C-alpha atoms as a PDB file:
ATOM      1  CA  MET A   1       0.000   0.000   0.000  1.00  0.00           C
ATOM      2  CA  ARG A   2       2.840   2.347   0.865  1.00  0.00           C
ATOM      3  CA  SER A   3       4.435   1.516  -2.479  1.00  0.00           C
ATOM      4  CA  LEU A   4       1.192   2.454  -4.263  1.00  0.00           C
ATOM      5  CA  TYR A   5       1.033   5.856  -2.524  1.00  0.00           C
ATOM      6  CA  ARG A   6       4.686   6.410  -3.283  1.00  0.00           C
ATOM      7  CA  ASN A   7       4.091   5.700  -6.978  1.00  0.00           C
ATOM      8  CA  LEU A   8       1.054   7.993  -7.067  1.00  0.00           C
ATOM      9  CA  GLY A   9       3.077  10.775  -5.462  1.00  0.00           C
ATOM     10  CA  LEU A  10       5.814  10.322  -8.057  1.00  0.00           C
ATOM     11  CA  ILE A  11       3.257  10.521 -10.860  1.00  0.00           C
ATOM     12  CA  LEU A  12       1.825  13.762  -9.454  1.00  0.00           C
ATOM     13  CA  VAL A  13       5.315  15.286  -9.228  1.00  0.00           C
ATOM     14  CA  LEU A  14       6.012  14.331 -12.847  1.00  0.00           C
ATOM     15  CA  ILE A  15       2.746  15.921 -13.952  1.00  0.00           C
ATOM     16  CA  MET A  16       3.633  19.134 -12.121  1.00  0.00           C
ATOM     17  CA  LEU A  17       7.100  19.194 -13.680  1.00  0.00           C
ATOM     18  CA  CYS A  18       5.577  18.768 -17.122  1.00  0.00           C
ATOM     19  CA  GLY A  19       3.347  21.733 -16.453  1.00  0.00           C
ATOM     20  CA  VAL A  20       6.364  23.844 -15.560  1.00  0.00           C
ATOM     21  CA  PHE A  21       8.814  22.793 -18.244  1.00  0.00           C
ATOM     22  CA  CYS A  22       6.583  21.791 -21.154  1.00  0.00           C
ATOM     23  CA  PRO A  23       6.359  24.774 -23.550  1.00  0.00           C
ATOM     24  CA  GLU A  24       2.790  23.949 -24.543  1.00  0.00           C
ATOM     25  CA  ALA A  25       1.694  24.023 -20.900  1.00  0.00           C
ATOM     26  CA  ARG A  26       3.126  27.523 -20.505  1.00  0.00           C
ATOM     27  CA  ALA A  27       1.489  28.888 -23.614  1.00  0.00           C
ATOM     28  CA  ASP A  28      -0.906  31.752 -23.151  1.00  0.00           C
ATOM     29  CA  ARG A  29      -3.727  30.241 -25.177  1.00  0.00           C
ATOM     30  CA  GLN A  30      -6.187  32.967 -24.323  1.00  0.00           C
ATOM     31  CA  SER A  31      -3.843  35.639 -25.678  1.00  0.00           C
ATOM     32  CA  LYS A  32      -3.524  33.716 -28.924  1.00  0.00           C
ATOM     33  CA  VAL A  33      -7.293  33.440 -29.246  1.00  0.00           C
ATOM     34  CA  GLU A  34      -7.706  37.164 -28.572  1.00  0.00           C
ATOM     35  CA  ALA A  35      -4.953  38.015 -31.056  1.00  0.00           C
ATOM     36  CA  GLU A  36      -6.620  35.982 -33.800  1.00  0.00           C
ATOM     37  CA  ARG A  37     -10.028  37.476 -33.025  1.00  0.00           C
ATOM     38  CA  ALA A  38      -8.639  41.025 -33.097  1.00  0.00           C
ATOM     39  CA  LEU A  39      -6.762  40.436 -36.355  1.00  0.00           C
ATOM     40  CA  LEU A  40      -9.845  39.048 -38.091  1.00  0.00           C
ATOM     41  CA  GLN A  41     -11.860  42.050 -36.963  1.00  0.00           C
ATOM     42  CA  ALA A  42      -9.103  44.459 -38.019  1.00  0.00           C
ATOM     43  CA  ARG A  43      -9.097  43.048 -41.539  1.00  0.00           C
ATOM     44  CA  LYS A  44     -12.880  43.382 -41.731  1.00  0.00           C
ATOM     45  CA  ASP A  45     -12.738  46.953 -40.430  1.00  0.00           C
ATOM     46  CA  GLU A  46     -10.037  47.909 -42.895  1.00  0.00           C
ATOM     47  CA  ALA A  47     -11.934  46.361 -45.809  1.00  0.00           C
ATOM     48  CA  GLY A  48     -15.047  48.248 -44.714  1.00  0.00           C
ATOM     49  CA  GLY A  49     -13.206  51.575 -44.533  1.00  0.00           C
ATOM     50  CA  ASN A  50     -13.419  51.916 -40.760  1.00  0.00           C
ATOM     51  CA  SER A  51      -9.845  53.049 -40.195  1.00  0.00           C
ATOM     52  CA  ALA A  52     -10.309  53.986 -36.531  1.00  0.00           C
ATOM     53  CA  ALA A  53     -11.597  50.538 -35.588  1.00  0.00           C
ATOM     54  CA  ALA A  54      -9.011  48.842 -37.815  1.00  0.00           C
ATOM     55  CA  ARG A  55      -6.199  50.772 -36.139  1.00  0.00           C
ATOM     56  CA  MET A  56      -7.418  49.779 -32.676  1.00  0.00           C
ATOM     57  CA  ASN A  57      -7.828  46.110 -33.582  1.00  0.00           C
ATOM     58  CA  TYR A  58      -4.464  45.817 -35.342  1.00  0.00           C
ATOM     59  CA  THR A  59      -2.878  47.236 -32.206  1.00  0.00           C
ATOM     60  CA  ASN A  60      -4.814  44.811 -30.000  1.00  0.00           C
ATOM     61  CA  ALA A  61      -3.829  41.878 -32.212  1.00  0.00           C
ATOM     62  CA  PHE A  62      -0.180  42.903 -31.968  1.00  0.00           C
ATOM     63  CA  ILE A  63      -0.243  43.351 -28.170  1.00  0.00           C
ATOM     64  CA  PHE A  64      -2.019  40.038 -27.591  1.00  0.00           C
ATOM     65  CA  GLY A  65       0.352  38.402 -30.055  1.00  0.00           C
ATOM     66  CA  LEU A  66       3.322  39.421 -27.929  1.00  0.00           C
ATOM     67  CA  SER A  67       1.959  37.191 -25.153  1.00  0.00           C
ATOM     68  CA  SER A  68       0.971  34.256 -27.337  1.00  0.00           C
ATOM     69  CA  ARG A  69       4.316  32.568 -27.957  1.00  0.00           C
ATOM     70  CA  ASP A  70       4.543  28.949 -26.823  1.00  0.00           C
ATOM     71  CA  SER A  71       7.418  29.616 -24.430  1.00  0.00           C
ATOM     72  CA  TYR A  72       9.774  32.385 -23.438  1.00  0.00           C
ATOM     73  CA  ARG A  73      12.517  30.495 -25.229  1.00  0.00           C
ATOM     74  CA  GLU A  74      10.703  31.059 -28.507  1.00  0.00           C
ATOM     75  CA  SER A  75      11.734  34.149 -30.418  1.00  0.00           C
ATOM     76  CA  LEU A  76       9.016  36.729 -30.978  1.00  0.00           C
ATOM     77  CA  ALA A  77      10.144  36.828 -34.602  1.00  0.00           C
ATOM     78  CA  ALA A  78       8.825  33.265 -34.938  1.00  0.00           C
ATOM     79  CA  VAL A  79       5.337  34.108 -33.661  1.00  0.00           C
ATOM     80  CA  SER A  80       2.545  34.312 -36.205  1.00  0.00           C
ATOM     81  CA  ILE A  81      -1.151  35.147 -36.009  1.00  0.00           C
ATOM     82  CA  LEU A  82      -3.401  33.357 -38.498  1.00  0.00           C
ATOM     83  CA  GLY A  83      -0.309  32.705 -40.590  1.00  0.00           C
ATOM     84  CA  GLU A  84       0.801  36.353 -40.580  1.00  0.00           C
ATOM     85  CA  PRO A  85       4.133  37.119 -38.849  1.00  0.00           C
ATOM     86  CA  LEU A  86       3.812  39.130 -35.653  1.00  0.00           C
ATOM     87  CA  SER A  87       6.256  41.676 -37.070  1.00  0.00           C
ATOM     88  CA  SER A  88       3.917  42.244 -40.029  1.00  0.00           C
ATOM     89  CA  VAL A  89       0.953  42.836 -37.724  1.00  0.00           C
ATOM     90  CA  GLY A  90       3.053  45.246 -35.673  1.00  0.00           C
ATOM     91  CA  ARG A  91       4.093  47.165 -38.788  1.00  0.00           C
ATOM     92  CA  LYS A  92       0.469  47.554 -39.761  1.00  0.00           C
ATOM     93  CA  ALA A  93      -0.387  48.919 -36.322  1.00  0.00           C
ATOM     94  CA  VAL A  94       2.589  51.305 -36.454  1.00  0.00           C
ATOM     95  CA  SER A  95       1.668  52.505 -39.943  1.00  0.00           C
ATOM     96  CA  MET A  96      -1.917  53.318 -39.031  1.00  0.00           C
ATOM     97  CA  GLN A  97      -0.983  54.979 -35.725  1.00  0.00           C
ATOM     98  CA  SER A  98       1.755  57.005 -37.422  1.00  0.00           C
ATOM     99  CA  SER A  99      -0.706  58.220 -40.066  1.00  0.00           C
ATOM    100  CA  LEU A 100      -3.066  59.341 -37.309  1.00  0.00           C
ATOM    101  CA  VAL A 101      -0.303  61.293 -35.549  1.00  0.00           C
ATOM    102  CA  GLU A 102       0.815  62.953 -38.775  1.00  0.00           C
ATOM    103  CA  SER A 103      -2.723  63.916 -39.735  1.00  0.00           C
ATOM    104  CA  GLY A 104      -3.191  65.563 -36.360  1.00  0.00           C
ATOM    105  CA  ALA A 105       0.026  67.614 -36.507  1.00  0.00           C
ATOM    106  CA  HIS A 106      -1.984  70.717 -37.382  1.00  0.00           C
ATOM    107  CA  GLY A 107      -5.150  71.699 -35.604  1.00  0.00           C
ATOM    108  CA  ALA A 108      -5.247  68.931 -32.984  1.00  0.00           C
ATOM    109  CA  SER A 109      -5.167  69.865 -29.316  1.00  0.00           C
ATOM    110  CA  PHE A 110      -1.940  69.264 -27.437  1.00  0.00           C
ATOM    111  CA  ASP A 111      -3.487  66.651 -25.129  1.00  0.00           C
ATOM    112  CA  SER A 112      -5.056  64.580 -27.907  1.00  0.00           C
ATOM    113  CA  ARG A 113      -1.897  64.689 -30.009  1.00  0.00           C
ATOM    114  CA  ARG A 114       0.201  63.751 -26.996  1.00  0.00           C
ATOM    115  CA  ASP A 115      -2.018  60.741 -26.206  1.00  0.00           C
ATOM    116  CA  GLU A 116      -1.672  59.409 -29.747  1.00  0.00           C
ATOM    117  CA  MET A 117       2.092  59.956 -29.727  1.00  0.00           C
ATOM    118  CA  VAL A 118       2.381  57.993 -26.484  1.00  0.00           C
ATOM    119  CA  LYS A 119       0.623  55.079 -28.199  1.00  0.00           C
ATOM    120  CA  LEU A 120       3.013  55.346 -31.144  1.00  0.00           C
ATOM    121  CA  GLN A 121       6.018  55.417 -28.832  1.00  0.00           C
ATOM    122  CA  ASN A 122       4.752  52.270 -27.079  1.00  0.00           C
ATOM    123  CA  LEU A 123       4.410  50.501 -30.428  1.00  0.00           C
ATOM    124  CA  TYR A 124       8.005  51.410 -31.300  1.00  0.00           C
ATOM    125  CA  ASN A 125       9.129  49.948 -27.962  1.00  0.00           C
ATOM    126  CA  ARG A 126       7.256  46.712 -28.636  1.00  0.00           C
ATOM    127  CA  MET A 127       8.683  46.433 -32.146  1.00  0.00           C
ATOM    128  CA  GLU A 128      12.150  46.661 -30.579  1.00  0.00           C
ATOM    129  CA  GLU A 129      11.258  43.492 -28.674  1.00  0.00           C
ATOM    130  CA  VAL A 130      10.230  41.723 -31.876  1.00  0.00           C
ATOM    131  CA  GLU A 131      13.132  43.004 -33.983  1.00  0.00           C
ATOM    132  CA  PRO A 132      15.953  43.925 -31.560  1.00  0.00           C
ATOM    133  CA  ASN A 133      18.511  44.237 -34.369  1.00  0.00           C
ATOM    134  CA  ASN A 134      16.461  46.592 -36.518  1.00  0.00           C
ATOM    135  CA  PRO A 135      17.912  50.133 -36.150  1.00  0.00           C
ATOM    136  CA  ASN A 136      14.777  51.824 -37.498  1.00  0.00           C
ATOM    137  CA  TRP A 137      12.777  51.328 -34.303  1.00  0.00           C
ATOM    138  CA  TYR A 138      15.429  52.891 -32.060  1.00  0.00           C
ATOM    139  CA  TYR A 139      15.725  55.904 -34.354  1.00  0.00           C
ATOM    140  CA  LEU A 140      11.969  56.396 -34.577  1.00  0.00           C
ATOM    141  CA  GLU A 141      11.646  56.079 -30.814  1.00  0.00           C
ATOM    142  CA  ALA A 142      14.339  58.750 -30.381  1.00  0.00           C
ATOM    143  CA  VAL A 143      12.476  61.144 -32.694  1.00  0.00           C
ATOM    144  CA  VAL A 144       9.243  60.717 -30.733  1.00  0.00           C
ATOM    145  CA  THR A 145      11.096  61.023 -27.411  1.00  0.00           C
ATOM    146  CA  CYS A 146      12.559  64.368 -28.497  1.00  0.00           C
ATOM    147  CA  GLU A 147       9.161  65.738 -29.427  1.00  0.00           C
ATOM    148  CA  LEU A 148       7.043  64.101 -26.754  1.00  0.00           C
ATOM    149  CA  GLU A 149       9.211  64.135 -23.641  1.00  0.00           C
ATOM    150  CA  HIS A 150      12.020  66.571 -24.514  1.00  0.00           C
ATOM    151  CA  HIS A 151      14.181  63.954 -22.797  1.00  0.00           C
ATOM    152  CA  TYR A 152      17.330  64.253 -24.869  1.00  0.00           C
ATOM    153  CA  VAL A 153      19.408  62.001 -22.627  1.00  0.00           C
ATOM    154  CA  LYS A 154      16.904  59.187 -23.159  1.00  0.00           C
ATOM    155  CA  ALA A 155      16.781  59.915 -26.891  1.00  0.00           C
ATOM    156  CA  ARG A 156      20.563  59.754 -27.054  1.00  0.00           C
ATOM    157  CA  ARG A 157      20.523  56.266 -25.532  1.00  0.00           C
ATOM    158  CA  SER A 158      18.101  55.103 -28.230  1.00  0.00           C
ATOM    159  CA  LEU A 159      20.266  56.619 -30.971  1.00  0.00           C
ATOM    160  CA  VAL A 160      23.374  54.894 -29.613  1.00  0.00           C
ATOM    161  CA  ARG A 161      21.505  51.574 -29.676  1.00  0.00           C
ATOM    162  CA  CYS A 162      20.484  52.336 -33.250  1.00  0.00           C
ATOM    163  CA  LEU A 163      24.086  52.880 -34.306  1.00  0.00           C
ATOM    164  CA  ARG A 164      25.200  49.691 -32.550  1.00  0.00           C
ATOM    165  CA  CYS A 165      22.787  47.484 -34.495  1.00  0.00           C
ATOM    166  CA  PRO A 166      24.600  45.093 -36.843  1.00  0.00           C
ATOM    167  CA  GLY A 167      24.908  45.842 -40.541  1.00  0.00           C
ATOM    168  CA  SER A 168      24.595  49.046 -42.515  1.00  0.00           C
ATOM    169  CA  SER A 169      21.393  51.052 -42.912  1.00  0.00           C
ATOM    170  CA  PRO A 170      20.493  54.511 -44.271  1.00  0.00           C
ATOM    171  CA  VAL A 171      18.736  55.268 -40.979  1.00  0.00           C
ATOM    172  CA  LYS A 172      22.081  55.205 -39.182  1.00  0.00           C
ATOM    173  CA  GLY A 173      23.089  58.341 -41.063  1.00  0.00           C
ATOM    174  CA  LYS A 174      19.920  60.057 -39.829  1.00  0.00           C
ATOM    175  CA  ALA A 175      20.646  58.824 -36.318  1.00  0.00           C
ATOM    176  CA  SER A 176      24.133  60.314 -36.414  1.00  0.00           C
ATOM    177  CA  LYS A 177      22.750  63.688 -37.515  1.00  0.00           C
ATOM    178  CA  LEU A 178      20.084  63.700 -34.819  1.00  0.00           C
ATOM    179  CA  LEU A 179      22.685  62.662 -32.239  1.00  0.00           C
ATOM    180  CA  ALA A 180      24.789  65.699 -33.157  1.00  0.00           C
ATOM    181  CA  HIS A 181      21.687  67.904 -33.249  1.00  0.00           C
ATOM    182  CA  ILE A 182      20.640  67.133 -29.656  1.00  0.00           C
ATOM    183  CA  LYS A 183      24.137  66.887 -28.148  1.00  0.00           C
ATOM    184  CA  ALA A 184      24.119  70.298 -26.428  1.00  0.00           C
ATOM    185  CA  ALA A 185      20.676  69.779 -24.880  1.00  0.00           C
ATOM    186  CA  ALA A 186      21.481  66.189 -23.839  1.00  0.00           C
ATOM    187  CA  ASP A 187      24.750  67.272 -22.211  1.00  0.00           C
ATOM    188  CA  GLN A 188      22.945  70.004 -20.261  1.00  0.00           C
ATOM    189  CA  GLN A 189      20.195  67.633 -19.165  1.00  0.00           C
ATOM    190  CA  GLN A 190      22.795  65.112 -18.001  1.00  0.00           C
ATOM    191  CA  ILE A 191      24.374  67.794 -15.820  1.00  0.00           C
ATOM    192  CA  TRP A 192      20.982  68.540 -14.257  1.00  0.00           C
ATOM    193  CA  LEU A 193      20.288  64.841 -13.704  1.00  0.00           C
ATOM    194  CA  ASP A 194      23.685  64.384 -12.049  1.00  0.00           C
ATOM    195  CA  GLN A 195      23.016  67.396  -9.820  1.00  0.00           C
ATOM    196  CA  ASP A 196      19.617  66.002  -8.827  1.00  0.00           C
ATOM    197  CA  GLY A 197      21.212  62.653  -8.001  1.00  0.00           C
ATOM    198  CA  LYS A 198      23.935  64.280  -5.916  1.00  0.00           C
ATOM    199  CA  ARG A 199      21.431  66.416  -3.989  1.00  0.00           C
ATOM    200  CA  ALA A 200      19.207  63.394  -3.374  1.00  0.00           C
ATOM    201  CA  ARG A 201      22.105  61.357  -1.974  1.00  0.00           C
ATOM    202  CA  GLU A 202      23.165  64.233   0.280  1.00  0.00           C
ATOM    203  CA  TRP A 203      19.605  64.634   1.541  1.00  0.00           C
ATOM    204  CA  LEU A 204      19.301  60.919   2.294  1.00  0.00           C
ATOM    205  CA  ARG A 205      22.539  60.945   4.316  1.00  0.00           C
ATOM    206  CA  LYS A 206      21.274  63.691   6.618  1.00  0.00           C
ATOM    207  CA  PRO A 207      19.552  62.694   9.888  1.00  0.00           C
ATOM    208  CA  ILE A 208      15.816  63.185   9.699  1.00  0.00           C
ATOM    209  CA  ASP A 209      14.434  66.064  11.738  1.00  0.00           C
ATOM    210  CA  HIS A 210      10.751  65.150  12.114  1.00  0.00           C
ATOM    211  CA  SER A 211       9.924  68.676  13.229  1.00  0.00           C
ATOM    212  CA  LYS A 212      11.011  69.977   9.841  1.00  0.00           C
ATOM    213  CA  VAL A 213       9.904  67.548   7.175  1.00  0.00           C
ATOM    214  CA  SER A 214      10.511  68.818   3.675  1.00  0.00           C
ATOM    215  CA  SER A 215      11.516  67.415   0.350  1.00  0.00           C
ATOM    216  CA  TYR A 216      15.133  67.550  -0.713  1.00  0.00           C
ATOM    217  CA  PRO A 217      16.094  70.501  -2.908  1.00  0.00           C
ATOM    218  CA  SER A 218      16.044  69.582  -6.567  1.00  0.00           C
ATOM    219  CA  ALA A 219      18.322  70.866  -9.260  1.00  0.00           C
ATOM    220  CA  SER A 220      15.365  70.692 -11.617  1.00  0.00           C
ATOM    221  CA  SER A 221      13.870  73.755  -9.975  1.00  0.00           C
ATOM    222  CA  SER A 222      17.020  75.746 -10.511  1.00  0.00           C
ATOM    223  CA  SER A 223      17.472  74.241 -13.922  1.00  0.00           C
ATOM    224  CA  SER A 224      13.960  75.270 -14.904  1.00  0.00           C
ATOM    225  CA  SER A 225      14.742  78.856 -13.975  1.00  0.00           C
ATOM    226  CA  SER A 226      18.006  78.736 -15.839  1.00  0.00           C
ATOM    227  CA  SER A 227      16.488  76.867 -18.747  1.00  0.00           C
ATOM    228  CA  SER A 228      15.357  80.136 -20.241  1.00  0.00           C
ATOM    229  CA  SER A 229      18.904  81.447 -20.409  1.00  0.00           C
ATOM    230  CA  SER A 230      20.413  81.564 -23.857  1.00  0.00           C
ATOM    231  CA  SER A 231      23.600  79.873 -22.690  1.00  0.00           C
ATOM    232  CA  SER A 232      21.964  76.546 -21.709  1.00  0.00           C
ATOM    233  CA  ILE A 233      19.192  76.121 -24.285  1.00  0.00           C
ATOM    234  CA  PRO A 234      19.998  75.620 -27.986  1.00  0.00           C
ATOM    235  CA  ASP A 235      18.305  77.672 -30.695  1.00  0.00           C
ATOM    236  CA  TYR A 236      16.110  74.812 -31.921  1.00  0.00           C
ATOM    237  CA  GLU A 237      14.599  74.350 -28.443  1.00  0.00           C
ATOM    238  CA  ARG A 238      13.700  78.040 -28.236  1.00  0.00           C
ATOM    239  CA  ARG A 239      12.133  77.845 -31.683  1.00  0.00           C
ATOM    240  CA  ALA A 240      10.212  74.724 -30.650  1.00  0.00           C
ATOM    241  CA  ARG A 241       8.847  76.484 -27.578  1.00  0.00           C
ATOM    242  CA  ASP A 242       7.831  79.462 -29.687  1.00  0.00           C
ATOM    243  CA  ALA A 243       5.975  77.125 -32.066  1.00  0.00           C
ATOM    244  CA  GLU A 244       4.236  75.408 -29.120  1.00  0.00           C
ATOM    245  CA  SER A 245       3.135  78.750 -27.727  1.00  0.00           C
ATOM    246  CA  ARG A 246       1.431  79.401 -31.068  1.00  0.00           C
ATOM    247  CA  GLY A 247      -0.171  75.951 -31.117  1.00  0.00           C
ATOM    248  CA  ASP A 248       1.958  74.595 -33.971  1.00  0.00           C
ATOM    249  CA  TYR A 249       3.015  71.314 -32.362  1.00  0.00           C
ATOM    250  CA  GLY A 250       4.037  69.808 -35.684  1.00  0.00           C
ATOM    251  CA  ALA A 251       6.663  72.515 -36.218  1.00  0.00           C
ATOM    252  CA  ALA A 252       7.820  72.140 -32.608  1.00  0.00           C
ATOM    253  CA  GLY A 253       8.408  68.450 -33.174  1.00  0.00           C
ATOM    254  CA  ARG A 254      10.306  69.105 -36.400  1.00  0.00           C
ATOM    255  CA  PHE A 255      12.596  71.594 -34.645  1.00  0.00           C
ATOM    256  CA  ARG A 256      13.438  69.070 -31.933  1.00  0.00           C
ATOM    257  CA  SER A 257      14.008  66.208 -34.362  1.00  0.00           C
ATOM    258  CA  GLY A 258      16.158  68.283 -36.692  1.00  0.00           C
ATOM    259  CA  ASN A 259      13.689  68.154 -39.591  1.00  0.00           C
ATOM    260  CA  ALA A 260      12.468  71.754 -39.549  1.00  0.00           C
ATOM    261  CA  SER A 261      11.666  73.350 -42.891  1.00  0.00           C
ATOM    262  CA  ILE A 262      12.513  76.826 -44.111  1.00  0.00           C
ATOM    263  CA  LYS A 263       8.867  77.744 -43.614  1.00  0.00           C
ATOM    264  CA  ASP A 264       9.046  76.638 -39.983  1.00  0.00           C
ATOM    265  CA  SER A 265      12.143  78.711 -39.347  1.00  0.00           C
ATOM    266  CA  SER A 266      10.715  81.858 -40.924  1.00  0.00           C
ATOM    267  CA  THR A 267       7.423  81.525 -39.052  1.00  0.00           C
ATOM    268  CA  HIS A 268       8.684  80.710 -35.574  1.00  0.00           C
ATOM    269  CA  TRP A 269      11.724  82.904 -35.070  1.00  0.00           C
END
């Protein structure tokens, strides 16, 4: 009898181990079902001319597809939805979201344009997961980061990753130009970030006086006051701010990404 219980226990352990290590047992089947459902609906919406619904469903299919691989050992590049590569679905979602952002460059409110750009930035980040050696996604993310966040240090990191991708690509030339374009602003931001970090560490080392509880002094406050000085802010950032004050967010983005036109320069300077 003891031998029978021992054998049953061994069988249960084996079943549990199969559930942990068997790729099929770890598959997110529900995500795959949702991805297929969203892709089918996206194709119907696109064929029917409903671009808004198609854009949403292509994005949903792509996001669900990211979670539908059979195991974490499987490359995302090998994942397909209804026979279509995940990268292809992602490109469709990026294309439609990018068209929406571009169409709203003039006339759209800042908040609505910002929301759509955040979605586009997230899609670029996800495409980096699917195609980590494709320099285009890092460059495009850097362009959006410049316009959306004005975080030139973060944009510089993306551009460096772009340039480190294997092989040659025309986008690497654009990345090099943008890297040079934002260098002054990125260097200044890095100084401010280092100052904030130093002040935070000094504040944390001080003994806490509970009778005087206050936040540590931040260099960002002083940097914001000095950010208007001509010595720390490059010309393109001042032009971008001028364009934003006039509601021309498209021109502001072009100034920050180094793609400003002659018309932009003559209007906002």
